Amino acid sequence: MKYEERVEKLHHKMEVLDKKRTQKVIMIQTAAAFAACLVLSIASALMIWRFPVSGSVGIPGSMTGSVFAENGALGYIMVAIISLCLGISFTLFCVLLRKRMKGK
């Protein structure tokens, strides 16, 4: 084996190792982002039931379909934030699964 061939094989090995390292970093970042979105959505959901109920707004009726009727727009904003976080975390989870399946 010539010197040039050995150097070429070494460069190829280094490229493969760099690619694996990069994929590992991306997997860790994706998993961390997934966990952060889940924690944020759970924290937001827990904040909803702690909203102060103001007596001035009043409840529209006893047969209302919304649990946020007495909290005004703030409840709907929290639902939007939770939905966004869950959507992001689900998308990141699907990307993570796809990369794992592609790697096998």
Foldseek 3Di string as FASTA:
>chain_A
DDPVVVVVVVVVVVVVVVVVVVVVVVLVVLVVLLVVLVVVLVVLVVVLVVDDQDPVQDAPDPPDPDPCRRVPCVNVVSVVSSVVSVVSSVVSVVVSVVVVVVVD
